[in-house]
């Protein structure tokens, strides 16, 4: 499949990538950059997983939700009681 990408800014970015990495072929530079970005995004931990890890560490250190609603307390702290 052929892809045509036009634009001076894109050409400048590819040229900078080639200069930094030493890649001589622009198609190979684009392939490498896209593969690296896809790999980085695929390896990124989801928000749900990050929150679960924080909750797990908090529970392990004795911090746990007690089921209370702190809205009234927070409102009073902000002077909105």
N, C-alpha and C. Protein backbone atom coordinates (compact mmCIF):
# COMPACT_ATOMS: atom_id res chain seq x y z
N UNK A 1 0.85 -1.17 0.00
CA UNK A 1 0.00 0.00 0.00
C UNK A 1 0.90 1.23 0.00
N UNK A 2 0.54 2.18 -0.81
CA UNK A 2 1.30 3.42 -0.91
C UNK A 2 0.61 4.50 -0.09
N UNK A 3 1.41 5.30 0.56
CA UNK A 3 0.88 6.43 1.32
C UNK A 3 1.65 7.67 0.91
N UNK A 4 0.93 8.74 0.68
CA UNK A 4 1.54 10.00 0.29
C UNK A 4 1.24 11.01 1.38
N UNK A 5 2.29 11.52 1.98
CA UNK A 5 2.14 12.50 3.05
C UNK A 5 2.79 13.79 2.57
N UNK A 6 2.00 14.84 2.51
CA UNK A 6 2.51 16.13 2.05
C UNK A 6 2.59 17.09 3.21
N UNK A 7 3.54 17.98 3.14
CA UNK A 7 3.63 19.04 4.12
C UNK A 7 5.06 19.30 4.52
N UNK A 8 5.42 20.57 4.55
CA UNK A 8 6.78 20.96 4.90
C UNK A 8 7.11 20.59 6.35
N UNK A 9 6.14 20.76 7.23
CA UNK A 9 6.38 20.45 8.65
C UNK A 9 6.67 18.96 8.83
N UNK A 10 5.91 18.13 8.13
CA UNK A 10 6.13 16.68 8.23
C UNK A 10 7.49 16.32 7.66
N UNK A 11 7.83 16.92 6.54
CA UNK A 11 9.14 16.65 5.92
C UNK A 11 10.27 17.08 6.86
N UNK A 12 10.10 18.21 7.54
CA UNK A 12 11.10 18.68 8.50
C UNK A 12 11.22 17.70 9.68
N UNK A 13 10.08 17.23 10.18
CA UNK A 13 10.11 16.28 11.30
C UNK A 13 10.81 14.98 10.91
N UNK A 14 10.52 14.49 9.72
CA UNK A 14 11.17 13.26 9.26
C UNK A 14 12.66 13.48 9.07
N UNK A 15 13.02 14.63 8.54
CA UNK A 15 14.44 14.94 8.35
C UNK A 15 15.17 15.02 9.70
N UNK A 16 14.54 15.63 10.70
CA UNK A 16 15.14 15.71 12.04
C UNK A 16 15.28 14.32 12.64
N UNK A 17 14.24 13.48 12.47
CA UNK A 17 14.29 12.11 12.98
C UNK A 17 15.45 11.36 12.33
N UNK A 18 15.59 11.50 11.01
CA UNK A 18 16.68 10.84 10.30
C UNK A 18 18.04 11.33 10.81
N UNK A 19 18.17 12.61 11.04
CA UNK A 19 19.43 13.17 11.52
C UNK A 19 19.77 12.65 12.91
N UNK A 20 18.77 12.54 13.77
CA UNK A 20 19.01 12.08 15.14
C UNK A 20 19.32 10.59 15.19
N UNK A 21 18.59 9.81 14.40
CA UNK A 21 18.73 8.35 14.47
C UNK A 21 19.75 7.79 13.49
N UNK A 22 20.10 8.57 12.49
CA UNK A 22 21.04 8.07 11.49
C UNK A 22 20.38 7.25 10.39
N UNK A 23 19.06 7.19 10.39
CA UNK A 23 18.32 6.46 9.35
C UNK A 23 18.42 7.27 8.06
N UNK A 24 18.75 6.59 6.97
CA UNK A 24 18.93 7.27 5.69
C UNK A 24 17.64 7.31 4.87
N UNK A 25 16.75 6.35 5.07
CA UNK A 25 15.55 6.20 4.27
C UNK A 25 14.36 6.80 5.03
N UNK A 26 13.65 7.74 4.40
CA UNK A 26 12.54 8.40 5.07
C UNK A 26 11.40 7.43 5.38
N UNK A 27 11.17 6.48 4.50
CA UNK A 27 10.10 5.49 4.76
C UNK A 27 10.45 4.66 5.99
N UNK A 28 11.71 4.29 6.12
CA UNK A 28 12.15 3.52 7.30
C UNK A 28 12.04 4.38 8.56
N UNK A 29 12.33 5.67 8.43
CA UNK A 29 12.21 6.57 9.58
C UNK A 29 10.77 6.66 10.05
N UNK A 30 9.84 6.79 9.12
CA UNK A 30 8.42 6.85 9.47
C UNK A 30 7.99 5.52 10.09
N UNK A 31 8.43 4.39 9.53
CA UNK A 31 8.09 3.07 10.06
C UNK A 31 8.57 2.93 11.49
N UNK A 32 9.82 3.31 11.74
CA UNK A 32 10.39 3.20 13.09
C UNK A 32 9.66 4.10 14.08
N UNK A 33 9.38 5.33 13.67
CA UNK A 33 8.71 6.27 14.57
C UNK A 33 7.31 5.79 14.91
N UNK A 34 6.58 5.32 13.93
CA UNK A 34 5.22 4.81 14.19
C UNK A 34 5.26 3.56 15.05
N UNK A 35 6.18 2.66 14.78
CA UNK A 35 6.29 1.42 15.57
C UNK A 35 6.62 1.75 17.02
N UNK A 36 7.51 2.70 17.24
CA UNK A 36 7.89 3.09 18.60
C UNK A 36 6.70 3.73 19.32
N UNK A 37 5.96 4.57 18.64
CA UNK A 37 4.82 5.23 19.25
C UNK A 37 3.71 4.23 19.58
N UNK A 38 3.45 3.30 18.68
CA UNK A 38 2.44 2.26 18.92
C UNK A 38 2.85 1.40 20.10
N UNK A 39 4.12 1.05 20.18
CA UNK A 39 4.62 0.26 21.30
C UNK A 39 4.47 1.00 22.62
N UNK A 40 4.80 2.28 22.63
CA UNK A 40 4.69 3.09 23.84
C UNK A 40 3.24 3.21 24.29
N UNK A 41 2.33 3.45 23.36
CA UNK A 41 0.92 3.58 23.70
C UNK A 41 0.32 2.26 24.16
N UNK A 42 0.77 1.16 23.58
CA UNK A 42 0.26 -0.16 23.96
C UNK A 42 0.73 -0.55 25.35
N UNK A 43 1.90 -0.11 25.73
CA UNK A 43 2.47 -0.47 27.03
C UNK A 43 1.96 0.42 28.16
N UNK A 44 1.28 1.50 27.80
CA UNK A 44 0.80 2.45 28.79
C UNK A 44 -0.27 1.80 29.67
N UNK A 45 -0.09 1.94 30.97
CA UNK A 45 -1.02 1.37 31.93
C UNK A 45 -2.32 2.19 31.93
N UNK A 46 -3.45 1.50 31.99
CA UNK A 46 -4.72 2.20 31.97
C UNK A 46 -4.95 2.95 33.28
N UNK A 47 -5.82 3.93 33.24
CA UNK A 47 -6.16 4.70 34.44
C UNK A 47 -6.75 3.78 35.51
N UNK A 48 -7.61 2.87 35.10
CA UNK A 48 -8.22 1.94 36.06
C UNK A 48 -7.16 1.10 36.76
N UNK A 49 -6.16 0.63 36.01
CA UNK A 49 -5.09 -0.16 36.61
C UNK A 49 -4.23 0.67 37.56
N UNK A 50 -3.96 1.94 37.18
CA UNK A 50 -3.17 2.80 38.06
C UNK A 50 -3.92 3.10 39.35
N UNK A 51 -5.22 3.35 39.25
CA UNK A 51 -6.02 3.61 40.44
C UNK A 51 -6.09 2.38 41.33
N UNK A 52 -6.26 1.20 40.73
CA UNK A 52 -6.31 -0.04 41.50
C UNK A 52 -5.01 -0.25 42.27
N UNK A 53 -3.89 0.06 41.65
CA UNK A 53 -2.59 -0.10 42.33
C UNK A 53 -2.47 0.86 43.51
N UNK A 54 -2.93 2.10 43.33
CA UNK A 54 -2.90 3.08 44.43
C UNK A 54 -3.81 2.64 45.57
N UNK A 55 -4.99 2.16 45.22
CA UNK A 55 -5.92 1.69 46.25
C UNK A 55 -5.35 0.49 46.99
N UNK A 56 -4.67 -0.38 46.28
CA UNK A 56 -4.07 -1.55 46.90
C UNK A 56 -2.97 -1.14 47.89
N UNK A 57 -2.12 -0.19 47.47
CA UNK A 57 -1.07 0.28 48.37
C UNK A 57 -1.66 0.98 49.59
N UNK A 58 -2.72 1.76 49.38
CA UNK A 58 -3.37 2.44 50.50
C UNK A 58 -3.96 1.43 51.47
N UNK A 59 -4.63 0.41 50.96
CA UNK A 59 -5.22 -0.62 51.82
C UNK A 59 -4.13 -1.37 52.59
N UNK A 60 -3.00 -1.64 51.93
CA UNK A 60 -1.90 -2.35 52.59
C UNK A 60 -1.29 -1.53 53.72
N UNK A 61 -1.38 -0.20 53.61
CA UNK A 61 -0.83 0.65 54.67
C UNK A 61 -1.89 1.06 55.69
N UNK A 62 -3.08 0.46 55.59
CA UNK A 62 -4.12 0.69 56.59
C UNK A 62 -5.12 1.77 56.27
N UNK A 63 -5.02 2.35 55.10
CA UNK A 63 -5.97 3.37 54.70
C UNK A 63 -7.09 2.69 53.92
N UNK A 64 -8.31 2.84 54.39
CA UNK A 64 -9.44 2.22 53.70
C UNK A 64 -10.66 3.12 53.80
N UNK A 65 -11.49 3.07 52.79
CA UNK A 65 -12.74 3.84 52.81
C UNK A 65 -13.64 3.29 53.90
N UNK A 66 -14.24 4.20 54.67
CA UNK A 66 -15.11 3.75 55.75
C UNK A 66 -16.59 3.90 55.39
N UNK A 67 -16.88 4.35 54.19
CA UNK A 67 -18.25 4.46 53.74
C UNK A 67 -18.92 5.77 54.10
N UNK A 68 -18.23 6.63 54.83
CA UNK A 68 -18.82 7.91 55.20
C UNK A 68 -18.81 8.87 54.02
N UNK A 69 -19.76 9.77 54.04
CA UNK A 69 -19.84 10.83 53.04
C UNK A 69 -19.21 12.08 53.64
N UNK A 70 -18.16 12.58 53.06
CA UNK A 70 -17.44 13.73 53.60
C UNK A 70 -17.91 15.06 53.00
N UNK A 71 -19.03 15.06 52.26
CA UNK A 71 -19.48 16.28 51.60
C UNK A 71 -19.74 17.39 52.61
N UNK A 72 -20.44 17.10 53.68
CA UNK A 72 -20.75 18.14 54.67
C UNK A 72 -19.46 18.71 55.26
N UNK A 73 -18.49 17.86 55.54
CA UNK A 73 -17.20 18.30 56.07
C UNK A 73 -16.49 19.20 55.06
N UNK A 74 -16.44 18.77 53.81
CA UNK A 74 -15.76 19.55 52.77
C UNK A 74 -16.46 20.89 52.56
N UNK A 75 -17.80 20.89 52.55
CA UNK A 75 -18.54 22.14 52.40
C UNK A 75 -18.22 23.10 53.53
N UNK A 76 -18.15 22.58 54.76
CA UNK A 76 -17.83 23.43 55.91
C UNK A 76 -16.42 23.98 55.80
N UNK A 77 -15.49 23.19 55.31
CA UNK A 77 -14.11 23.64 55.16
C UNK A 77 -14.01 24.79 54.13
N UNK A 78 -14.87 24.76 53.13
CA UNK A 78 -14.87 25.81 52.11
C UNK A 78 -15.82 26.95 52.47
N UNK A 79 -16.43 26.87 53.64
CA UNK A 79 -17.34 27.94 54.07
C UNK A 79 -18.67 27.91 53.35
N UNK A 80 -19.07 26.74 52.89
CA UNK A 80 -20.33 26.61 52.13
C UNK A 80 -21.37 25.86 52.94
N UNK A 81 -21.33 25.97 54.27
CA UNK A 81 -22.28 25.22 55.08
C UNK A 81 -23.55 25.92 55.26
